[in-house]
Structures are given as structure tokens and as C-alpha cells.
Amino acid sequence: MYDVSSGRRFYGAGSTYNIYAGKEISRALAIGSFSDADMNDDLASLTAKQLNTLNQWESNTFRRKYPIVGKLVV
């Protein structure tokens, strides 16, 4: 779980990625989706390319810009 509050221009109200704020979005990032149905952690059916996309989001965006503040345990 990342604290994206410093990225308000991306995740704040009315911004492009606001739909992602406060949700588990691993699958959605991997497949490039803004659909609520894809906002989950179901990675089982993803291709290697999609998993790479997810890894790029995490390493190049989230880990570089935002602090980790927790871990979602289901």
C-alpha cells in the first residue's frame, strides 16, 4: 500500500487516476484498464507482457515516488 497523497494532481478528485485511489489495482494496471471489474489482485490469467507492465508501474512509478505505508492482507 502506497501513500500517493503527494501525487494529488494524478490521484486527487477530478484527476485521471482518481478512480484508482484507495483500491487494489494490480490487475487494472497490468492490463491498462479503468474498469471497476479489473480493480483486484487476480493476476492468474495475465500474460508475461502484462506482468512486466505491472512490474514497471511498481518499480518506475510507485516505489520511486511514494512511500509504502502498509500491506493489504486478505
PDB file of N, CA and C in Angstrom:
ATOM      1  N   MET A   1       0.852  -1.161   0.000  1.00  0.00           N
ATOM      2  CA  MET A   1       0.000   0.000   0.000  1.00  0.00           C
ATOM      3  C   MET A   1       0.902   1.229   0.000  1.00  0.00           C
ATOM      4  N   TYR A   2       0.631   2.109  -0.942  1.00  0.00           N
ATOM      5  CA  TYR A   2       1.443   3.309  -1.094  1.00  0.00           C
ATOM      6  C   TYR A   2       0.637   4.552  -0.708  1.00  0.00           C
ATOM      7  N   ASP A   3       1.319   5.500  -0.110  1.00  0.00           N
ATOM      8  CA  ASP A   3       0.705   6.796   0.189  1.00  0.00           C
ATOM      9  C   ASP A   3       0.946   7.702  -1.014  1.00  0.00           C
ATOM     10  N   VAL A   4      -0.092   7.903  -1.819  1.00  0.00           N
ATOM     11  CA  VAL A   4       0.041   8.705  -3.040  1.00  0.00           C
ATOM     12  C   VAL A   4      -0.435  10.136  -2.844  1.00  0.00           C
ATOM     13  N   SER A   5      -0.549  10.575  -1.588  1.00  0.00           N
ATOM     14  CA  SER A   5      -1.067  11.921  -1.326  1.00  0.00           C
ATOM     15  C   SER A   5      -0.186  13.014  -1.945  1.00  0.00           C
ATOM     16  N   SER A   6       1.086  12.761  -2.126  1.00  0.00           N
ATOM     17  CA  SER A   6       1.935  13.762  -2.778  1.00  0.00           C
ATOM     18  C   SER A   6       1.652  13.842  -4.282  1.00  0.00           C
ATOM     19  N   GLY A   7       0.917  12.879  -4.812  1.00  0.00           N
ATOM     20  CA  GLY A   7       0.555  12.869  -6.225  1.00  0.00           C
ATOM     21  C   GLY A   7      -0.893  13.273  -6.445  1.00  0.00           C
ATOM     22  N   ARG A   8      -1.350  14.259  -5.679  1.00  0.00           N
ATOM     23  CA  ARG A   8      -2.752  14.694  -5.778  1.00  0.00           C
ATOM     24  C   ARG A   8      -3.163  15.055  -7.194  1.00  0.00           C
ATOM     25  N   ARG A   9      -2.232  15.608  -7.962  1.00  0.00           N
ATOM     26  CA  ARG A   9      -2.609  16.007  -9.328  1.00  0.00           C
ATOM     27  C   ARG A   9      -2.937  14.793 -10.191  1.00  0.00           C
ATOM     28  N   PHE A  10      -2.467  13.613  -9.804  1.00  0.00           N
ATOM     29  CA  PHE A  10      -2.781  12.385 -10.529  1.00  0.00           C
ATOM     30  C   PHE A  10      -3.938  11.615  -9.898  1.00  0.00           C
ATOM     31  N   TYR A  11      -3.976  11.588  -8.551  1.00  0.00           N
ATOM     32  CA  TYR A  11      -4.918  10.723  -7.835  1.00  0.00           C
ATOM     33  C   TYR A  11      -6.022  11.470  -7.102  1.00  0.00           C
ATOM     34  N   GLY A  12      -5.959  12.788  -7.084  1.00  0.00           N
ATOM     35  CA  GLY A  12      -6.960  13.589  -6.385  1.00  0.00           C
ATOM     36  C   GLY A  12      -8.281  13.653  -7.145  1.00  0.00           C
ATOM     37  N   ALA A  13      -9.275  14.220  -6.494  1.00  0.00           N
ATOM     38  CA  ALA A  13     -10.604  14.355  -7.094  1.00  0.00           C
ATOM     39  C   ALA A  13     -10.520  15.048  -8.450  1.00  0.00           C
ATOM     40  N   GLY A  14     -11.180  14.472  -9.443  1.00  0.00           N
ATOM     41  CA  GLY A  14     -11.224  15.044 -10.774  1.00  0.00           C
ATOM     42  C   GLY A  14     -10.020  14.739 -11.646  1.00  0.00           C
ATOM     43  N   SER A  15      -9.042  14.005 -11.128  1.00  0.00           N
ATOM     44  CA  SER A  15      -7.843  13.696 -11.901  1.00  0.00           C
ATOM     45  C   SER A  15      -7.972  12.344 -12.608  1.00  0.00           C
ATOM     46  N   THR A  16      -7.078  12.116 -13.538  1.00  0.00           N
ATOM     47  CA  THR A  16      -7.123  10.921 -14.379  1.00  0.00           C
ATOM     48  C   THR A  16      -7.153   9.622 -13.588  1.00  0.00           C
ATOM     49  N   TYR A  17      -6.278   9.484 -12.610  1.00  0.00           N
ATOM     50  CA  TYR A  17      -6.158   8.217 -11.883  1.00  0.00           C
ATOM     51  C   TYR A  17      -6.928   8.189 -10.565  1.00  0.00           C
ATOM     52  N   ASN A  18      -7.798   9.154 -10.340  1.00  0.00           N
ATOM     53  CA  ASN A  18      -8.575   9.176  -9.107  1.00  0.00           C
ATOM     54  C   ASN A  18      -9.397   7.899  -8.926  1.00  0.00           C
ATOM     55  N   ILE A  19      -9.829   7.309 -10.003  1.00  0.00           N
ATOM     56  CA  ILE A  19     -10.620   6.076  -9.944  1.00  0.00           C
ATOM     57  C   ILE A  19      -9.843   4.951  -9.256  1.00  0.00           C
ATOM     58  N   TYR A  20      -8.521   5.029  -9.258  1.00  0.00           N
ATOM     59  CA  TYR A  20      -7.680   4.014  -8.628  1.00  0.00           C
ATOM     60  C   TYR A  20      -7.459   4.239  -7.134  1.00  0.00           C
ATOM     61  N   ALA A  21      -7.636   5.438  -6.657  1.00  0.00           N
ATOM     62  CA  ALA A  21      -7.301   5.771  -5.273  1.00  0.00           C
ATOM     63  C   ALA A  21      -8.082   4.916  -4.279  1.00  0.00           C
ATOM     64  N   GLY A  22      -7.368   4.351  -3.327  1.00  0.00           N
ATOM     65  CA  GLY A  22      -7.981   3.565  -2.259  1.00  0.00           C
ATOM     66  C   GLY A  22      -8.384   2.165  -2.661  1.00  0.00           C
ATOM     67  N   LYS A  23      -7.895   1.662  -3.782  1.00  0.00           N
ATOM     68  CA  LYS A  23      -8.297   0.340  -4.270  1.00  0.00           C
ATOM     69  C   LYS A  23      -7.088  -0.525  -4.583  1.00  0.00           C
ATOM     70  N   GLU A  24      -7.306  -1.823  -4.627  1.00  0.00           N
ATOM     71  CA  GLU A  24      -6.311  -2.789  -5.098  1.00  0.00           C
ATOM     72  C   GLU A  24      -6.399  -2.764  -6.624  1.00  0.00           C
ATOM     73  N   ILE A  25      -5.341  -2.305  -7.284  1.00  0.00           N
ATOM     74  CA  ILE A  25      -5.428  -2.077  -8.726  1.00  0.00           C
ATOM     75  C   ILE A  25      -4.381  -2.844  -9.535  1.00  0.00           C
ATOM     76  N   SER A  26      -3.807  -3.880  -8.973  1.00  0.00           N
ATOM     77  CA  SER A  26      -2.740  -4.595  -9.672  1.00  0.00           C
ATOM     78  C   SER A  26      -3.171  -5.061 -11.057  1.00  0.00           C
ATOM     79  N   ARG A  27      -4.287  -5.746 -11.152  1.00  0.00           N
ATOM     80  CA  ARG A  27      -4.752  -6.251 -12.441  1.00  0.00           C
ATOM     81  C   ARG A  27      -5.044  -5.103 -13.411  1.00  0.00           C
ATOM     82  N   ALA A  28      -5.710  -4.074 -12.934  1.00  0.00           N
ATOM     83  CA  ALA A  28      -6.063  -2.947 -13.790  1.00  0.00           C
ATOM     84  C   ALA A  28      -4.816  -2.286 -14.377  1.00  0.00           C
ATOM     85  N   LEU A  29      -3.787  -2.101 -13.578  1.00  0.00           N
ATOM     86  CA  LEU A  29      -2.549  -1.506 -14.087  1.00  0.00           C
ATOM     87  C   LEU A  29      -1.900  -2.412 -15.122  1.00  0.00           C
ATOM     88  N   ALA A  30      -1.902  -3.705 -14.856  1.00  0.00           N
ATOM     89  CA  ALA A  30      -1.257  -4.657 -15.760  1.00  0.00           C
ATOM     90  C   ALA A  30      -1.903  -4.681 -17.137  1.00  0.00           C
ATOM     91  N   ILE A  31      -3.228  -4.531 -17.180  1.00  0.00           N
ATOM     92  CA  ILE A  31      -3.918  -4.623 -18.471  1.00  0.00           C
ATOM     93  C   ILE A  31      -4.347  -3.265 -19.019  1.00  0.00           C
ATOM     94  N   GLY A  32      -4.045  -2.191 -18.292  1.00  0.00           N
ATOM     95  CA  GLY A  32      -4.386  -0.845 -18.761  1.00  0.00           C
ATOM     96  C   GLY A  32      -5.869  -0.560 -18.714  1.00  0.00           C
ATOM     97  N   SER A  33      -6.508  -0.965 -17.630  1.00  0.00           N
ATOM     98  CA  SER A  33      -7.963  -0.831 -17.512  1.00  0.00           C
ATOM     99  C   SER A  33      -8.360   0.199 -16.462  1.00  0.00           C
ATOM    100  N   PHE A  34      -9.466   0.880 -16.725  1.00  0.00           N
ATOM    101  CA  PHE A  34     -10.073   1.780 -15.749  1.00  0.00           C
ATOM    102  C   PHE A  34     -11.403   1.206 -15.257  1.00  0.00           C
ATOM    103  N   SER A  35     -11.674  -0.048 -15.558  1.00  0.00           N
ATOM    104  CA  SER A  35     -12.925  -0.697 -15.187  1.00  0.00           C
ATOM    105  C   SER A  35     -12.881  -1.180 -13.736  1.00  0.00           C
ATOM    106  N   ASP A  36     -13.949  -0.926 -12.994  1.00  0.00           N
ATOM    107  CA  ASP A  36     -14.031  -1.416 -11.614  1.00  0.00           C
ATOM    108  C   ASP A  36     -13.868  -2.932 -11.555  1.00  0.00           C
ATOM    109  N   ALA A  37     -14.338  -3.625 -12.571  1.00  0.00           N
ATOM    110  CA  ALA A  37     -14.252  -5.094 -12.593  1.00  0.00           C
ATOM    111  C   ALA A  37     -12.807  -5.583 -12.603  1.00  0.00           C
ATOM    112  N   ASP A  38     -11.885  -4.759 -13.068  1.00  0.00           N
ATOM    113  CA  ASP A  38     -10.477  -5.148 -13.136  1.00  0.00           C
ATOM    114  C   ASP A  38      -9.655  -4.646 -11.963  1.00  0.00           C
ATOM    115  N   MET A  39     -10.272  -3.974 -11.022  1.00  0.00           N
ATOM    116  CA  MET A  39      -9.539  -3.451  -9.872  1.00  0.00           C
ATOM    117  C   MET A  39      -9.506  -4.502  -8.771  1.00  0.00           C
ATOM    118  N   ASN A  40      -8.548  -5.413  -8.924  1.00  0.00           N
ATOM    119  CA  ASN A  40      -8.388  -6.510  -7.980  1.00  0.00           C
ATOM    120  C   ASN A  40      -6.967  -7.057  -8.109  1.00  0.00           C
ATOM    121  N   ASP A  41      -6.693  -8.128  -7.382  1.00  0.00           N
ATOM    122  CA  ASP A  41      -5.350  -8.712  -7.401  1.00  0.00           C
ATOM    123  C   ASP A  41      -5.297 -10.040  -8.150  1.00  0.00           C
ATOM    124  N   ASP A  42      -6.258 -10.294  -9.030  1.00  0.00           N
ATOM    125  CA  ASP A  42      -6.304 -11.537  -9.805  1.00  0.00           C
ATOM    126  C   ASP A  42      -5.316 -11.449 -10.964  1.00  0.00           C
ATOM    127  N   LEU A  43      -4.157 -12.036 -10.768  1.00  0.00           N
ATOM    128  CA  LEU A  43      -3.100 -11.978 -11.770  1.00  0.00           C
ATOM    129  C   LEU A  43      -2.920 -13.305 -12.507  1.00  0.00           C
ATOM    130  N   ALA A  44      -3.707 -14.301 -12.150  1.00  0.00           N
ATOM    131  CA  ALA A  44      -3.524 -15.658 -12.661  1.00  0.00           C
ATOM    132  C   ALA A  44      -3.576 -15.759 -14.181  1.00  0.00           C
ATOM    133  N   SER A  45      -4.420 -15.004 -14.828  1.00  0.00           N
ATOM    134  CA  SER A  45      -4.582 -15.142 -16.283  1.00  0.00           C
ATOM    135  C   SER A  45      -3.745 -14.145 -17.092  1.00  0.00           C
ATOM    136  N   LEU A  46      -2.898 -13.380 -16.430  1.00  0.00           N
ATOM    137  CA  LEU A  46      -2.119 -12.373 -17.141  1.00  0.00           C
ATOM    138  C   LEU A  46      -0.970 -12.985 -17.935  1.00  0.00           C
ATOM    139  N   THR A  47      -0.661 -12.344 -19.038  1.00  0.00           N
ATOM    140  CA  THR A  47       0.476 -12.771 -19.853  1.00  0.00           C
ATOM    141  C   THR A  47       1.771 -12.256 -19.238  1.00  0.00           C
ATOM    142  N   ALA A  48       2.881 -12.773 -19.747  1.00  0.00           N
ATOM    143  CA  ALA A  48       4.184 -12.303 -19.275  1.00  0.00           C
ATOM    144  C   ALA A  48       4.343 -10.812 -19.548  1.00  0.00           C
ATOM    145  N   LYS A  49       3.853 -10.352 -20.689  1.00  0.00           N
ATOM    146  CA  LYS A  49       3.938  -8.938 -21.035  1.00  0.00           C
ATOM    147  C   LYS A  49       3.136  -8.088 -20.056  1.00  0.00           C
ATOM    148  N   GLN A  50       1.951  -8.545 -19.680  1.00  0.00           N
ATOM    149  CA  GLN A  50       1.115  -7.803 -18.729  1.00  0.00           C
ATOM    150  C   GLN A  50       1.747  -7.775 -17.349  1.00  0.00           C
ATOM    151  N   LEU A  51       2.333  -8.889 -16.927  1.00  0.00           N
ATOM    152  CA  LEU A  51       3.024  -8.919 -15.638  1.00  0.00           C
ATOM    153  C   LEU A  51       4.223  -7.976 -15.654  1.00  0.00           C
ATOM    154  N   ASN A  52       4.904  -7.907 -16.771  1.00  0.00           N
ATOM    155  CA  ASN A  52       6.017  -6.965 -16.902  1.00  0.00           C
ATOM    156  C   ASN A  52       5.518  -5.523 -16.796  1.00  0.00           C
ATOM    157  N   THR A  53       4.383  -5.240 -17.415  1.00  0.00           N
ATOM    158  CA  THR A  53       3.788  -3.906 -17.324  1.00  0.00           C
ATOM    159  C   THR A  53       3.516  -3.552 -15.871  1.00  0.00           C
ATOM    160  N   LEU A  54       2.945  -4.488 -15.118  1.00  0.00           N
ATOM    161  CA  LEU A  54       2.673  -4.262 -13.699  1.00  0.00           C
ATOM    162  C   LEU A  54       3.972  -4.003 -12.941  1.00  0.00           C
ATOM    163  N   ASN A  55       4.982  -4.796 -13.206  1.00  0.00           N
ATOM    164  CA  ASN A  55       6.270  -4.603 -12.538  1.00  0.00           C
ATOM    165  C   ASN A  55       6.870  -3.241 -12.861  1.00  0.00           C
ATOM    166  N   GLN A  56       6.711  -2.785 -14.086  1.00  0.00           N
ATOM    167  CA  GLN A  56       7.209  -1.467 -14.469  1.00  0.00           C
ATOM    168  C   GLN A  56       6.473  -0.359 -13.719  1.00  0.00           C
ATOM    169  N   TRP A  57       5.159  -0.479 -13.607  1.00  0.00           N
ATOM    170  CA  TRP A  57       4.389   0.504 -12.834  1.00  0.00           C
ATOM    171  C   TRP A  57       4.918   0.578 -11.411  1.00  0.00           C
ATOM    172  N   GLU A  58       5.108  -0.598 -10.806  1.00  0.00           N
ATOM    173  CA  GLU A  58       5.542  -0.604  -9.413  1.00  0.00           C
ATOM    174  C   GLU A  58       6.949  -0.048  -9.250  1.00  0.00           C
ATOM    175  N   SER A  59       7.879  -0.513 -10.068  1.00  0.00           N
ATOM    176  CA  SER A  59       9.261  -0.084  -9.878  1.00  0.00           C
ATOM    177  C   SER A  59       9.531   1.330 -10.375  1.00  0.00           C
ATOM    178  N   ASN A  60       8.913   1.732 -11.475  1.00  0.00           N
ATOM    179  CA  ASN A  60       9.211   3.045 -12.053  1.00  0.00           C
ATOM    180  C   ASN A  60       8.318   4.165 -11.548  1.00  0.00           C
ATOM    181  N   THR A  61       7.180   3.835 -11.022  1.00  0.00           N
ATOM    182  CA  THR A  61       6.274   4.883 -10.553  1.00  0.00           C
ATOM    183  C   THR A  61       6.106   4.838  -9.048  1.00  0.00           C
ATOM    184  N   PHE A  62       5.505   3.781  -8.552  1.00  0.00           N
ATOM    185  CA  PHE A  62       5.148   3.758  -7.136  1.00  0.00           C
ATOM    186  C   PHE A  62       6.343   3.721  -6.200  1.00  0.00           C
ATOM    187  N   ARG A  63       7.257   2.815  -6.386  1.00  0.00           N
ATOM    188  CA  ARG A  63       8.400   2.715  -5.465  1.00  0.00           C
ATOM    189  C   ARG A  63       9.314   3.930  -5.521  1.00  0.00           C
ATOM    190  N   ARG A  64       9.391   4.579  -6.641  1.00  0.00           N
ATOM    191  CA  ARG A  64      10.259   5.757  -6.773  1.00  0.00           C
ATOM    192  C   ARG A  64       9.632   7.016  -6.195  1.00  0.00           C
ATOM    193  N   LYS A  65       8.310   7.099  -6.253  1.00  0.00           N
ATOM    194  CA  LYS A  65       7.653   8.350  -5.888  1.00  0.00           C
ATOM    195  C   LYS A  65       6.927   8.342  -4.547  1.00  0.00           C
ATOM    196  N   TYR A  66       6.467   7.176  -4.099  1.00  0.00           N
ATOM    197  CA  TYR A  66       5.564   7.148  -2.945  1.00  0.00           C
ATOM    198  C   TYR A  66       6.043   6.179  -1.873  1.00  0.00           C
ATOM    199  N   PRO A  67       5.872   6.567  -0.604  1.00  0.00           N
ATOM    200  CA  PRO A  67       6.281   5.674   0.480  1.00  0.00           C
ATOM    201  C   PRO A  67       5.289   4.522   0.674  1.00  0.00           C
ATOM    202  N   ILE A  68       5.830   3.377   1.031  1.00  0.00           N
ATOM    203  CA  ILE A  68       4.991   2.233   1.388  1.00  0.00           C
ATOM    204  C   ILE A  68       4.480   2.475   2.802  1.00  0.00           C
ATOM    205  N   VAL A  69       3.182   2.358   2.981  1.00  0.00           N
ATOM    206  CA  VAL A  69       2.597   2.625   4.299  1.00  0.00           C
ATOM    207  C   VAL A  69       1.848   1.412   4.875  1.00  0.00           C
ATOM    208  N   GLY A  70       1.811   0.329   4.139  1.00  0.00           N
ATOM    209  CA  GLY A  70       1.130  -0.846   4.655  1.00  0.00           C
ATOM    210  C   GLY A  70       1.110  -1.958   3.634  1.00  0.00           C
ATOM    211  N   LYS A  71       0.517  -3.084   4.038  1.00  0.00           N
ATOM    212  CA  LYS A  71       0.384  -4.232   3.165  1.00  0.00           C
ATOM    213  C   LYS A  71      -1.028  -4.751   3.301  1.00  0.00           C
ATOM    214  N   LEU A  72      -1.673  -4.967   2.174  1.00  0.00           N
ATOM    215  CA  LEU A  72      -3.033  -5.476   2.169  1.00  0.00           C
ATOM    216  C   LEU A  72      -2.989  -6.980   2.412  1.00  0.00           C
ATOM    217  N   VAL A  73      -3.670  -7.416   3.454  1.00  0.00           N
ATOM    218  CA  VAL A  73      -3.741  -8.825   3.792  1.00  0.00           C
ATOM    219  C   VAL A  73      -5.189  -9.267   3.634  1.00  0.00           C
ATOM    220  N   VAL A  74      -5.377 -10.278   2.839  1.00  0.00           N
ATOM    221  CA  VAL A  74      -6.734 -10.741   2.559  1.00  0.00           C
ATOM    222  C   VAL A  74      -7.034 -12.020   3.295  1.00  0.00           C
TER     223      VAL A  74
END
